[in-house]
Protein backbone atom coordinates (compact mmCIF):
# COMPACT_ATOMS: atom_id res chain seq x y z
CA UNK A 1 112.74 212.94 14.11
CA UNK A 2 115.37 210.38 15.11
CA UNK A 3 114.90 206.93 16.59
CA UNK A 4 117.11 204.86 18.81
CA UNK A 5 118.32 201.50 17.51
CA UNK A 6 115.85 199.78 19.82
CA UNK A 7 112.92 201.82 18.48
CA UNK A 8 114.03 201.27 14.90
CA UNK A 9 114.21 197.51 15.46
CA UNK A 10 110.74 197.47 16.99
CA UNK A 11 109.36 199.51 14.10
CA UNK A 12 110.94 197.15 11.56
CA UNK A 13 109.51 194.13 13.37
CA UNK A 14 106.02 195.63 13.41
CA UNK A 15 106.29 196.44 9.71
CA UNK A 16 107.35 192.88 8.92
CA UNK A 17 104.17 191.56 10.60
CA UNK A 18 101.75 193.94 8.97
CA UNK A 19 99.92 192.50 6.01
CA UNK A 20 100.86 188.91 6.84
CA UNK A 21 98.00 186.50 6.32
CA UNK A 22 97.34 183.14 7.93
CA UNK A 23 94.82 180.72 6.42
CA UNK A 24 92.86 178.59 8.86
CA UNK A 25 91.85 175.68 6.65
CA UNK A 26 88.71 173.67 7.45
CA UNK A 27 89.95 170.16 6.69
CA UNK A 28 86.71 168.15 6.88
CA UNK A 29 84.04 168.12 4.17
CA UNK A 30 81.56 165.78 5.86
CA UNK A 31 78.01 167.26 5.71
CA UNK A 32 77.44 166.89 9.47
CA UNK A 33 80.93 168.12 10.39
CA UNK A 34 81.67 170.26 13.42
CA UNK A 35 84.94 171.42 11.89
CA UNK A 36 83.76 174.90 10.77
CA UNK A 37 82.79 175.90 14.29
CA UNK A 38 86.09 174.74 15.73
CA UNK A 39 88.01 176.48 12.95
CA UNK A 40 86.12 179.74 13.54
CA UNK A 41 86.90 179.54 17.24
CA UNK A 42 90.60 178.99 16.46
CA UNK A 43 90.57 181.88 13.98
CA UNK A 44 88.94 184.23 16.49
CA UNK A 45 91.16 183.16 19.41
CA UNK A 46 94.36 183.58 17.40
CA UNK A 47 93.19 186.88 15.92
CA UNK A 48 92.23 188.46 19.26
CA UNK A 49 95.50 190.26 19.96
CA UNK A 50 97.44 189.48 16.80
CA UNK A 51 99.03 191.78 14.22
CA UNK A 52 98.44 189.01 11.67
CA UNK A 53 95.30 188.54 9.58
CA UNK A 54 93.60 185.15 10.06
CA UNK A 55 91.12 183.97 7.40
CA UNK A 56 89.01 180.83 7.02
CA UNK A 57 89.27 178.59 3.95
CA UNK A 58 86.69 175.82 3.65
CA UNK A 59 87.75 172.83 1.55
CA UNK A 60 84.08 171.95 1.06
CA UNK A 61 83.62 175.27 -0.75
CA UNK A 62 86.88 174.92 -2.69
CA UNK A 63 85.54 171.53 -3.87
CA UNK A 64 88.66 170.21 -5.56
CA UNK A 65 88.27 166.97 -7.52
CA UNK A 66 90.50 164.02 -6.76
CA UNK A 67 93.99 164.89 -7.93
CA UNK A 68 93.79 165.03 -11.72
CA UNK A 69 96.95 166.87 -12.75
CA UNK A 70 99.05 164.85 -15.23
CA UNK A 71 102.37 166.24 -13.96
CA UNK A 72 103.83 166.26 -10.46
CA UNK A 73 103.05 169.35 -8.41
CA UNK A 74 106.71 170.29 -7.91
CA UNK A 75 106.90 171.30 -11.58
CA UNK A 76 104.16 173.89 -11.15
CA UNK A 77 102.89 173.22 -14.69
CA UNK A 78 99.19 173.03 -13.91
CA UNK A 79 96.81 171.98 -16.66
CA UNK A 80 93.49 172.68 -14.93
CA UNK A 81 91.95 175.97 -13.88
CA UNK A 82 90.80 174.58 -10.53
CA UNK A 83 94.44 173.84 -9.72
CA UNK A 84 95.58 177.28 -10.86
CA UNK A 85 92.84 178.89 -8.75
CA UNK A 86 93.87 176.82 -5.71
CA UNK A 87 97.49 177.78 -6.34
CA UNK A 88 96.63 181.49 -6.44
CA UNK A 89 94.63 181.24 -3.22
CA UNK A 90 97.31 179.35 -1.29
CA UNK A 91 100.07 181.59 -2.66
CA UNK A 92 98.31 184.59 -1.15
CA UNK A 93 98.93 183.32 2.39
CA UNK A 94 102.10 183.44 4.45
CA UNK A 95 101.25 180.69 6.94
CA UNK A 96 98.63 178.04 7.68
CA UNK A 97 96.67 176.32 10.42
CA UNK A 98 94.96 173.07 9.41
CA UNK A 99 91.90 172.09 11.44
CA UNK A 100 90.68 168.53 11.07
CA UNK A 101 89.19 165.49 12.85
CA UNK A 102 90.92 162.16 13.27
CA UNK A 103 89.50 159.43 11.04
CA UNK A 104 90.65 155.87 11.76
CA UNK A 105 93.96 157.11 13.18
CA UNK A 106 94.49 159.35 10.17
CA UNK A 107 93.30 162.67 8.78
CA UNK A 108 90.63 163.39 6.13
CA UNK A 109 91.33 162.46 2.51
CA UNK A 110 90.12 165.85 1.14
CA UNK A 111 92.87 167.58 3.14
CA UNK A 112 95.55 165.24 1.84
CA UNK A 113 94.20 165.77 -1.67
CA UNK A 114 94.31 169.56 -1.29
CA UNK A 115 97.90 169.38 -0.06
CA UNK A 116 98.99 167.10 -2.91
CA UNK A 117 97.71 169.42 -5.65
CA UNK A 118 100.51 171.88 -4.85
CA UNK A 119 104.12 171.94 -3.68
CA UNK A 120 106.03 175.21 -4.01
CA UNK A 121 103.03 177.13 -2.69
CA UNK A 122 103.43 175.35 0.68
CA UNK A 123 107.22 175.25 0.68
CA UNK A 124 108.94 176.99 3.60
CA UNK A 125 105.78 178.47 5.13
CA UNK A 126 105.01 178.25 8.87
CA UNK A 127 102.28 175.78 9.79
CA UNK A 128 100.39 174.48 12.78
CA UNK A 129 97.35 172.26 13.11
CA UNK A 130 94.35 171.63 15.33
CA UNK A 131 93.13 168.06 15.60
CA UNK A 132 90.06 166.83 17.41
CA UNK A 133 88.52 163.54 18.45
CA UNK A 134 87.65 161.44 21.48
CA UNK A 135 91.36 161.22 22.31
CA UNK A 136 92.37 164.54 20.79
CA UNK A 137 93.43 163.33 17.36
CA UNK A 138 97.10 162.65 18.08
CA UNK A 139 97.30 159.81 15.54
CA UNK A 140 96.02 162.12 12.80
CA UNK A 141 98.59 164.68 13.92
CA UNK A 142 101.35 162.07 13.60
CA UNK A 143 100.32 161.34 10.02
CA UNK A 144 100.09 164.90 8.78
CA UNK A 145 103.40 165.80 10.42
CA UNK A 146 105.26 163.59 7.95
CA UNK A 147 103.45 165.15 4.99
CA UNK A 148 104.21 168.67 6.18
CA UNK A 149 107.87 167.72 6.45
CA UNK A 150 107.75 166.36 2.90
CA UNK A 151 106.35 169.70 1.73
CA UNK A 152 109.24 171.45 3.55
CA UNK A 153 106.83 173.49 5.66
CA UNK A 154 108.04 175.05 8.92
CA UNK A 155 106.03 173.29 11.63
CA UNK A 156 105.49 175.28 14.82
CA UNK A 157 106.07 173.62 18.18
CA UNK A 158 102.58 174.53 19.36
CA UNK A 159 99.45 172.80 18.12
CA UNK A 160 96.12 171.76 19.64
CA UNK A 161 94.66 168.32 20.27
CA UNK A 162 91.04 168.96 21.22
CA UNK A 163 89.31 166.22 23.21
CA UNK A 164 85.60 165.85 22.41
CA UNK A 165 83.65 163.34 24.48
CA UNK A 166 80.24 161.80 23.88
CA UNK A 167 78.84 164.20 26.50
CA UNK A 168 79.95 167.16 24.37
CA UNK A 169 77.69 166.29 21.41
CA UNK A 170 73.93 166.06 21.00
CA UNK A 171 71.84 163.42 19.22
CA UNK A 172 72.76 164.99 15.86
CA UNK A 173 76.48 164.80 16.69
CA UNK A 174 76.74 168.57 16.97
CA UNK A 175 78.58 170.30 19.80
CA UNK A 176 76.30 171.31 22.65
CA UNK A 177 78.56 174.18 23.73
CA UNK A 178 81.47 175.07 21.45
CA UNK A 179 82.92 177.69 23.79
CA UNK A 180 82.88 175.31 26.76
CA UNK A 181 84.71 172.63 24.77
CA UNK A 182 87.31 175.02 23.42
CA UNK A 183 87.86 177.22 26.48
CA UNK A 184 90.68 175.05 27.92
CA UNK A 185 92.68 175.70 24.73
CA UNK A 186 92.64 179.51 24.84
CA UNK A 187 96.20 179.86 26.09
CA UNK A 188 97.52 177.35 23.56
CA UNK A 189 95.78 179.22 20.72
CA UNK A 190 97.53 182.41 21.78
CA UNK A 191 100.83 180.52 21.79
CA UNK A 192 100.20 179.45 18.20
CA UNK A 193 99.76 183.07 17.22
CA UNK A 194 102.89 184.13 19.10
CA UNK A 195 104.91 181.44 17.33
CA UNK A 196 103.40 182.44 13.98
CA UNK A 197 104.47 186.03 14.53
CA UNK A 198 107.97 184.93 15.51
CA UNK A 199 108.29 182.56 12.56
CA UNK A 200 107.15 185.16 10.04
CA UNK A 201 109.46 187.79 11.50
CA UNK A 202 112.43 185.43 11.28
CA UNK A 203 111.75 184.89 7.58
CA UNK A 204 112.26 188.61 6.89
CA UNK A 205 115.29 189.36 9.00
C-alpha cells in the first residue's frame, strides 16, 4: 500500500502525538482548597477530544519538604530520594498545566517550591496555567510567568484566568456549582489542548 505525501505527513503527525503526556498539577495544598475540582475539570475538558494523555498530579500528595537539596537543581546531583522521585515523575511528562489560586497577588509557595527542586526536567517543555480568584488571578499569572521563563519552559499563548465570586462559594468556601463556574472557559480549555498538540508536534519535526 502506498500513501501520498499528504497522508504520510498526517500519519507522522498523529504518531508524534501518540503517547504524549501532559501533567495537570494541582498547585494548592490548603486543606479547604477548591483547586482539585478545578484541575479535574481542566483535565477532563482538555482531554475530551485530544490525542494527548492528561493526568492529575497533586502537590499535597507529593508532599515535598521545603527545598533541602545542598546543590543547585541545574546540576541534577540530587542527594535525597524525594527529589529523585519527583524528578522521575516530572521527567515522565512532555508538557504541563499548572492550576493554582492567587494568594496576595502571587501564587502558592508549595508550587514555587516544587518548581525549584528541579531544572532540566522542566527545560524546554510546553506549559500553560490556570489561575483563579475574585479577579481571575492575573497577578499570580504575572509572577509565575517570570519563573517559567527562567526555567526555559515554552509558555503557550492560551491560559485561563477563572473568576470566582462570593456568590459562587458556600459557607464552607466550597464551590456551589463547579460546572457552572467553569462552563464559560470550555472553548479556552480546548484552545490550550490545541496549542499543546501543536507545540509537541513542533518539537519532533
